[in-house]
Amino acid sequence: MKKEEEEDLLVYDEDDAVKFILKLLPEDSKKSIDDTKIEYILDVIYDYYDENGLIEEDSTEEASIDEEIMFEYIKKMVKRDKMGLSDNNIRLILDGEYEYGKSLGIYQEE
């Protein structure tokens, strides 16, 4: 792993990510999305990456993520765990997480 990639991973802080996402949410969504739900989605994203081999500790290759497949996986987990998040709320959290990652240089737009 390149030194800068290690630094990116060290910079990613779940607490900061939650605060960042909460700030980006539209006012009307803040009633139904709290930090617990955001943390849950972040954990599901991590599980998805892990289960699909997208987190390779010794790889410097960028992973390509099929956002629709990941979204469907998250929807399934949200339903299974009865988290009470609408598709729109899941997308808002995912958009916020993506913006947080971009702000750290972890994600690049294609």
Protein backbone atom coordinates (compact mmCIF):
# COMPACT_ATOMS: atom_id res chain seq x y z
CA MET A 1 0.00 0.00 0.00
CA LYS A 2 1.25 3.45 -0.87
CA LYS A 3 2.01 5.76 2.03
CA GLU A 4 -0.64 8.26 0.88
CA GLU A 5 -3.32 5.53 0.77
CA GLU A 6 -2.45 4.51 4.32
CA GLU A 7 -2.82 8.14 5.33
CA ASP A 8 -6.24 8.34 3.61
CA LEU A 9 -7.42 5.33 5.60
CA LEU A 10 -6.11 6.83 8.81
CA VAL A 11 -7.87 10.11 8.02
CA TYR A 12 -11.27 8.42 7.53
CA ASP A 13 -12.95 8.88 10.88
CA GLU A 14 -16.44 7.44 11.29
CA ASP A 15 -17.42 10.12 13.85
CA ASP A 16 -16.31 12.86 11.47
CA ALA A 17 -18.12 11.12 8.60
CA VAL A 18 -21.36 11.04 10.62
CA LYS A 19 -21.09 14.76 11.47
CA PHE A 20 -20.25 15.59 7.84
CA ILE A 21 -23.25 13.60 6.54
CA LEU A 22 -25.63 15.11 9.11
CA LYS A 23 -24.64 18.62 7.96
CA LEU A 24 -25.39 17.75 4.32
CA LEU A 25 -28.86 16.34 4.97
CA PRO A 26 -31.86 18.42 3.94
CA GLU A 27 -33.73 19.81 6.96
CA ASP A 28 -36.80 17.61 6.39
CA SER A 29 -34.66 14.45 6.40
CA LYS A 30 -33.03 15.21 9.74
CA LYS A 31 -36.22 14.08 11.50
CA SER A 32 -35.90 10.52 10.20
CA ILE A 33 -32.10 10.15 9.95
CA ASP A 34 -30.01 10.26 13.11
CA ASP A 35 -26.39 9.38 13.82
CA THR A 36 -27.29 5.79 14.72
CA LYS A 37 -28.82 5.22 11.29
CA ILE A 38 -25.85 6.85 9.56
CA GLU A 39 -23.41 4.70 11.55
CA TYR A 40 -25.47 1.63 10.59
CA ILE A 41 -25.26 2.50 6.87
CA LEU A 42 -21.50 3.15 7.14
CA ASP A 43 -21.08 -0.28 8.74
CA VAL A 44 -23.16 -1.92 5.99
CA ILE A 45 -21.05 -0.15 3.33
CA TYR A 46 -17.89 -1.48 4.99
CA ASP A 47 -19.40 -5.00 5.16
CA TYR A 48 -20.31 -4.77 1.47
CA TYR A 49 -16.76 -3.72 0.54
CA ASP A 50 -15.31 -6.48 2.70
CA GLU A 51 -17.62 -9.24 1.40
CA ASN A 52 -16.90 -8.25 -2.20
CA GLY A 53 -13.13 -8.09 -1.82
CA LEU A 54 -13.06 -4.32 -2.34
CA ILE A 55 -10.89 -3.74 0.71
CA GLU A 56 -7.52 -5.20 -0.10
CA GLU A 57 -4.97 -4.21 2.51
CA ASP A 58 -2.00 -4.91 0.25
CA SER A 59 -3.45 -3.61 -3.01
CA THR A 60 -2.94 -0.16 -4.47
CA GLU A 61 -5.48 -0.70 -7.23
CA GLU A 62 -8.58 1.42 -7.20
CA ALA A 63 -11.74 -0.60 -6.81
CA SER A 64 -14.65 0.02 -9.12
CA ILE A 65 -17.95 -0.14 -7.28
CA ASP A 66 -21.29 -0.84 -8.91
CA GLU A 67 -23.39 1.65 -6.99
CA GLU A 68 -26.73 0.06 -7.92
CA ILE A 69 -25.67 -3.39 -6.70
CA MET A 70 -24.34 -1.86 -3.49
CA PHE A 71 -27.58 0.12 -3.06
CA GLU A 72 -29.67 -3.04 -3.44
CA TYR A 73 -27.46 -4.81 -0.87
CA ILE A 74 -27.91 -1.92 1.58
CA LYS A 75 -31.69 -1.88 1.00
CA LYS A 76 -31.82 -5.60 1.77
CA MET A 77 -29.85 -5.14 5.02
CA VAL A 78 -31.97 -2.13 6.07
CA LYS A 79 -35.14 -4.18 5.57
CA ARG A 80 -33.69 -7.24 7.33
CA ASP A 81 -32.58 -5.19 10.33
CA LYS A 82 -35.79 -3.10 10.37
CA MET A 83 -33.88 0.21 10.32
CA GLY A 84 -36.85 2.17 8.96
CA LEU A 85 -34.95 4.03 6.23
CA SER A 86 -36.59 4.91 2.92
CA ASP A 87 -34.73 4.48 -0.37
CA ASN A 88 -34.38 8.26 -0.49
CA ASN A 89 -32.87 8.38 3.00
CA ILE A 90 -30.40 5.62 2.10
CA ARG A 91 -29.39 7.59 -1.02
CA LEU A 92 -28.95 10.78 1.03
CA ILE A 93 -26.62 8.97 3.44
CA LEU A 94 -24.70 7.34 0.57
CA ASP A 95 -24.33 10.72 -1.16
CA GLY A 96 -23.06 12.25 2.07
CA GLU A 97 -20.58 9.41 2.60
CA TYR A 98 -19.34 9.83 -0.97
CA GLU A 99 -18.88 13.59 -0.45
CA TYR A 100 -17.00 12.91 2.78
CA GLY A 101 -14.72 10.42 1.00
CA LYS A 102 -14.12 12.91 -1.84
CA SER A 103 -13.22 15.60 0.70
CA LEU A 104 -10.47 13.27 1.97
CA GLY A 105 -9.29 12.28 -1.49
CA ILE A 106 -10.39 8.66 -1.01
CA TYR A 107 -12.88 8.76 -3.90
CA GLN A 108 -12.43 10.28 -7.31
CA GLU A 109 -15.24 11.03 -9.70
CA GLU A 110 -15.21 8.98 -12.88
